[in-house]
Amino acid sequence: SIPEKPDAVVIVTKPEVTEQIVQQCADADIHYVWIHHSFMGNSSSEKAVQFCKEHNINVIANGCPMMFCAPVDFGHKCMRWIGKMTGKLPKEG
C-alpha cells in the first residue's frame, strides 16, 4: 500500500502481472501509465494496452522512461538513438 495516490505509474514486471496492475490503476482512478518495453524483453501485453484504452488510461507501451529522465546514462542514450532510428521511440509531447 502507498500513502497517497500517484499521478502516474511506471510498470516494469511480467506481462501477466501488468494486466492486473492496469486494472488496479483504473480502480484507483490513475490515468497515466508507462509500460516498460526494451530490446531484451517487455512488460506489455495487448490485453493490458487494450484495457488502458477502454478505461481512459493514457498509456505508453514501448520504450523505457529512463531514456528520458535526466540525467540519461550512456546505455539509455544508445537505446533512445536506436529507438529513434527504427521508429520505435515513444513520441514526446
Protein backbone atom coordinates (compact mmCIF):
# COMPACT_ATOMS: atom_id res chain seq x y z
CA SER A 1 0.00 0.00 0.00
CA ILE A 2 1.19 3.53 -0.76
CA PRO A 3 0.35 6.56 1.39
CA GLU A 4 -1.30 8.59 -1.37
CA LYS A 5 -2.49 8.17 -4.95
CA PRO A 6 0.22 8.80 -7.58
CA ASP A 7 -0.43 10.84 -10.72
CA ALA A 8 1.14 8.15 -12.91
CA VAL A 9 2.51 4.61 -12.76
CA VAL A 10 5.53 3.03 -14.46
CA ILE A 11 5.12 -0.72 -14.85
CA VAL A 12 8.17 -2.98 -15.06
CA THR A 13 7.07 -6.57 -14.47
CA LYS A 14 5.87 -9.68 -16.29
CA PRO A 15 3.09 -9.04 -18.86
CA GLU A 16 0.54 -11.12 -16.95
CA VAL A 17 1.16 -9.04 -13.81
CA THR A 18 0.90 -5.83 -15.88
CA GLU A 19 -2.69 -6.80 -16.72
CA GLN A 20 -3.50 -6.87 -13.00
CA ILE A 21 -1.71 -3.58 -12.35
CA VAL A 22 -3.56 -1.64 -15.06
CA GLN A 23 -6.83 -2.89 -13.57
CA GLN A 24 -5.68 -1.58 -10.19
CA CYS A 25 -4.79 1.76 -11.83
CA ALA A 26 -8.30 2.03 -13.25
CA ASP A 27 -9.79 1.21 -9.83
CA ALA A 28 -7.59 3.92 -8.27
CA ASP A 29 -8.55 6.48 -10.96
CA ILE A 30 -4.97 6.74 -12.28
CA HIS A 31 -4.95 7.92 -15.90
CA TYR A 32 -1.26 7.81 -16.89
CA VAL A 33 0.67 4.56 -17.30
CA TRP A 34 4.02 3.77 -18.90
CA ILE A 35 4.51 0.07 -19.58
CA HIS A 36 8.23 -0.71 -19.90
CA HIS A 37 9.44 -2.23 -23.16
CA SER A 38 13.03 -2.88 -24.13
CA PHE A 39 15.05 -4.80 -26.66
CA MET A 40 15.63 -7.54 -24.09
CA GLY A 41 12.01 -8.06 -23.08
CA ASN A 42 8.94 -6.16 -22.06
CA SER A 43 6.15 -5.78 -19.56
CA SER A 44 3.42 -5.10 -22.10
CA SER A 45 0.61 -7.24 -23.42
CA GLU A 46 -2.07 -6.42 -25.97
CA LYS A 47 -4.69 -7.17 -23.31
CA ALA A 48 -3.18 -4.61 -20.91
CA VAL A 49 -2.90 -1.93 -23.61
CA GLN A 50 -6.47 -2.54 -24.78
CA PHE A 51 -7.71 -2.36 -21.19
CA CYS A 52 -6.00 1.02 -20.78
CA LYS A 53 -7.61 2.37 -23.94
CA GLU A 54 -11.05 1.15 -22.86
CA HIS A 55 -10.69 2.70 -19.38
CA ASN A 56 -9.44 6.18 -20.28
CA ILE A 57 -5.86 5.47 -19.22
CA ASN A 58 -3.22 7.27 -21.29
CA VAL A 59 -0.68 4.56 -21.97
CA ILE A 60 2.84 4.46 -23.38
CA ALA A 61 3.55 0.82 -24.13
CA ASN A 62 7.04 0.97 -25.54
CA GLY A 63 10.45 2.26 -24.57
CA CYS A 64 11.87 2.92 -21.15
CA PRO A 65 11.28 6.08 -19.13
CA MET A 66 14.98 6.08 -18.22
CA MET A 67 15.67 7.16 -21.83
CA PHE A 68 14.01 10.49 -20.97
CA CYS A 69 14.67 11.11 -17.25
CA ALA A 70 17.71 13.33 -16.75
CA PRO A 71 20.46 12.59 -16.28
CA VAL A 72 20.29 9.94 -19.01
CA ASP A 73 23.07 7.35 -18.76
CA PHE A 74 25.08 6.25 -21.80
CA GLY A 75 23.24 2.93 -22.22
CA HIS A 76 19.82 4.58 -22.28
CA LYS A 77 21.11 7.28 -24.66
CA CYS A 78 22.13 4.50 -27.03
CA MET A 79 18.75 2.77 -26.70
CA ARG A 80 16.98 6.07 -27.33
CA TRP A 81 19.02 6.63 -30.50
CA ILE A 82 18.28 3.09 -31.75
CA GLY A 83 14.59 3.58 -30.99
CA LYS A 84 14.59 6.85 -32.89
CA MET A 85 16.36 5.32 -35.90
CA THR A 86 13.97 2.35 -36.02
CA GLY A 87 10.81 4.41 -35.46
CA LYS A 88 10.07 2.64 -32.17
CA LEU A 89 10.71 5.56 -29.87
CA PRO A 90 7.65 6.83 -27.96
CA LYS A 91 6.54 10.21 -29.27
CA GLU A 92 7.22 13.14 -26.99
CA GLY A 93 4.63 15.74 -26.17
